[in-house]
Amino acid sequence: MATNCVYIMTNKRRTVFYTGVTSHIGNRRLEHLHEDDSHFCGKYRVTDVVYIEWFDNILDAIAREKKIKGFRREKKLALIHAVNPELHTLLPPYFLLSTPEERSDEGLLIRATPASSRAKRGTSSSRGAK
């Protein structure tokens, strides 16, 4: 089961993008949330994961991260829009607590909908394949 991923985070206004790689997206996101202004994510208030791509092999994930980091903004947006057209935050709170195996989500990309939409439908989140 894939546990390594490349992710793209952005700020609330969706004006800045940060690409990274990790073997535990929940922990890594928390680290970014606590960075001060001397780090990119702290300086630009990058808080929301909008893209996740899973890999079995960390070397494949690192290679993909490097490739995405070379993309121009337009190409990054096209990549994100292909799986997350409305740029929703993809990590619901439970995602931060465990590995994919413990969550039993079989490595699927988690696509969260805005809280207002969930309240209207009476659901907590929706899932989409990677």
Protein backbone atom coordinates (compact mmCIF):
# COMPACT_ATOMS: atom_id res chain seq x y z
CA MET A 1 0.00 0.00 0.00
CA ALA A 2 1.29 3.45 -0.92
CA THR A 3 2.31 5.58 2.03
CA ASN A 4 4.60 8.12 0.36
CA CYS A 5 3.12 11.12 -1.35
CA VAL A 6 3.77 14.31 -3.22
CA TYR A 7 1.49 17.10 -2.06
CA ILE A 8 0.71 20.66 -3.01
CA MET A 9 -0.38 23.14 -0.36
CA THR A 10 -1.72 26.65 -0.79
CA ASN A 11 -2.93 29.61 1.25
CA LYS A 12 -6.55 30.60 1.87
CA ARG A 13 -6.61 32.93 -1.15
CA ARG A 14 -5.08 30.20 -3.39
CA THR A 15 -2.36 32.58 -4.59
CA VAL A 16 0.77 30.64 -3.53
CA PHE A 17 1.65 26.95 -4.02
CA TYR A 18 4.13 24.79 -2.10
CA THR A 19 5.10 21.32 -3.36
CA GLY A 20 6.55 18.73 -1.00
CA VAL A 21 7.07 15.01 -0.45
CA THR A 22 6.51 12.98 2.71
CA SER A 23 5.79 9.53 4.09
CA HIS A 24 3.22 10.93 6.55
CA ILE A 25 1.11 13.74 5.13
CA GLY A 26 -0.73 14.44 8.38
CA ASN A 27 2.41 15.03 10.41
CA ARG A 28 4.01 17.03 7.63
CA ARG A 29 0.99 19.30 7.33
CA LEU A 30 1.08 19.96 11.07
CA GLU A 31 4.76 20.86 10.80
CA HIS A 32 3.94 23.37 8.06
CA LEU A 33 1.10 24.85 10.12
CA HIS A 34 3.54 25.62 12.95
CA GLU A 35 6.30 27.17 10.84
CA ASP A 36 7.28 30.76 11.52
CA ASP A 37 7.87 33.48 8.94
CA SER A 38 11.43 32.27 8.28
CA HIS A 39 9.93 29.31 6.36
CA PHE A 40 7.96 29.55 3.10
CA CYS A 41 4.74 28.02 4.48
CA GLY A 42 4.81 30.26 7.53
CA LYS A 43 5.66 33.41 5.60
CA TYR A 44 2.88 32.93 3.04
CA ARG A 45 0.38 31.29 5.44
CA VAL A 46 0.26 28.08 3.40
CA THR A 47 -2.21 25.85 5.25
CA ASP A 48 -4.37 23.83 2.84
CA VAL A 49 -3.43 20.63 1.03
CA VAL A 50 -5.12 20.74 -2.39
CA TYR A 51 -3.30 17.91 -4.20
CA ILE A 52 -1.99 14.48 -3.13
CA GLU A 53 -0.36 11.84 -5.32
CA TRP A 54 0.54 8.50 -3.66
CA PHE A 55 3.62 6.34 -4.33
CA ASP A 56 4.86 2.98 -3.07
CA ASN A 57 8.49 4.01 -3.51
CA ILE A 58 9.87 7.17 -1.89
CA LEU A 59 12.39 7.63 -4.71
CA ASP A 60 9.53 7.77 -7.23
CA ALA A 61 7.80 10.33 -5.02
CA ILE A 62 10.94 12.46 -4.80
CA ALA A 63 11.39 12.34 -8.58
CA ARG A 64 7.77 13.43 -9.08
CA GLU A 65 8.15 16.25 -6.54
CA LYS A 66 11.17 17.58 -8.44
CA LYS A 67 9.26 17.40 -11.71
CA ILE A 68 6.24 19.27 -10.29
CA LYS A 69 8.49 21.90 -8.69
CA GLY A 70 9.72 22.66 -12.21
CA PHE A 71 6.19 23.31 -13.49
CA ARG A 72 5.00 26.84 -14.14
CA ARG A 73 2.01 28.02 -12.13
CA GLU A 74 -0.44 27.28 -14.96
CA LYS A 75 0.70 23.66 -15.23
CA LYS A 76 0.48 23.18 -11.44
CA LEU A 77 -3.06 24.56 -11.50
CA ALA A 78 -4.00 22.20 -14.34
CA LEU A 79 -2.61 19.26 -12.35
CA ILE A 80 -4.57 20.28 -9.24
CA HIS A 81 -7.78 21.01 -11.17
CA ALA A 82 -7.68 17.54 -12.75
CA VAL A 83 -8.43 15.96 -9.34
CA ASN A 84 -9.69 18.92 -7.31
CA PRO A 85 -11.40 21.45 -9.62
CA GLU A 86 -12.65 23.71 -6.82
CA LEU A 87 -9.36 23.63 -4.86
CA HIS A 88 -10.98 22.25 -1.72
CA THR A 89 -8.80 21.37 1.25
CA LEU A 90 -8.20 17.63 0.98
CA LEU A 91 -7.32 16.73 4.54
CA PRO A 92 -10.25 16.34 6.92
CA PRO A 93 -9.28 16.32 10.63
CA TYR A 94 -9.18 12.50 10.99
CA PHE A 95 -6.55 12.32 8.26
CA LEU A 96 -4.01 13.88 10.59
CA LEU A 97 -4.19 11.05 13.10
CA SER A 98 -2.96 7.94 11.33
CA THR A 99 -1.33 6.19 8.40
CA PRO A 100 -3.36 5.07 5.36
CA GLU A 101 -3.39 1.49 6.71
CA GLU A 102 -4.87 2.60 10.03
CA ARG A 103 -7.53 4.71 8.28
CA SER A 104 -8.48 1.83 5.95
CA ASP A 105 -8.86 4.26 3.07
CA GLU A 106 -6.70 2.06 0.81
CA GLY A 107 -4.53 4.99 -0.19
CA LEU A 108 -7.34 6.92 -1.86
CA LEU A 109 -7.10 10.61 -2.38
CA ILE A 110 -9.29 12.28 0.21
CA ARG A 111 -11.38 15.11 -1.15
CA ALA A 112 -13.13 17.14 1.50
CA THR A 113 -16.03 19.41 0.68
CA PRO A 114 -16.57 22.73 2.43
CA ALA A 115 -18.25 22.47 5.84
CA SER A 116 -21.29 24.40 4.60
CA SER A 117 -21.86 21.83 1.82
CA ARG A 118 -21.45 18.92 4.23
CA ALA A 119 -23.95 20.42 6.65
CA LYS A 120 -26.56 20.78 3.89
CA ARG A 121 -26.07 17.19 2.76
CA GLY A 122 -25.54 15.73 6.22
CA THR A 123 -22.19 14.14 5.27
CA SER A 124 -18.72 14.50 6.68
CA SER A 125 -16.61 14.13 3.52
CA SER A 126 -16.50 12.62 0.08
CA ARG A 127 -13.83 10.41 -1.44
CA GLY A 128 -12.43 10.38 -4.92
CA ALA A 129 -9.87 8.09 -6.47
CA LYS A 130 -6.42 9.43 -7.11
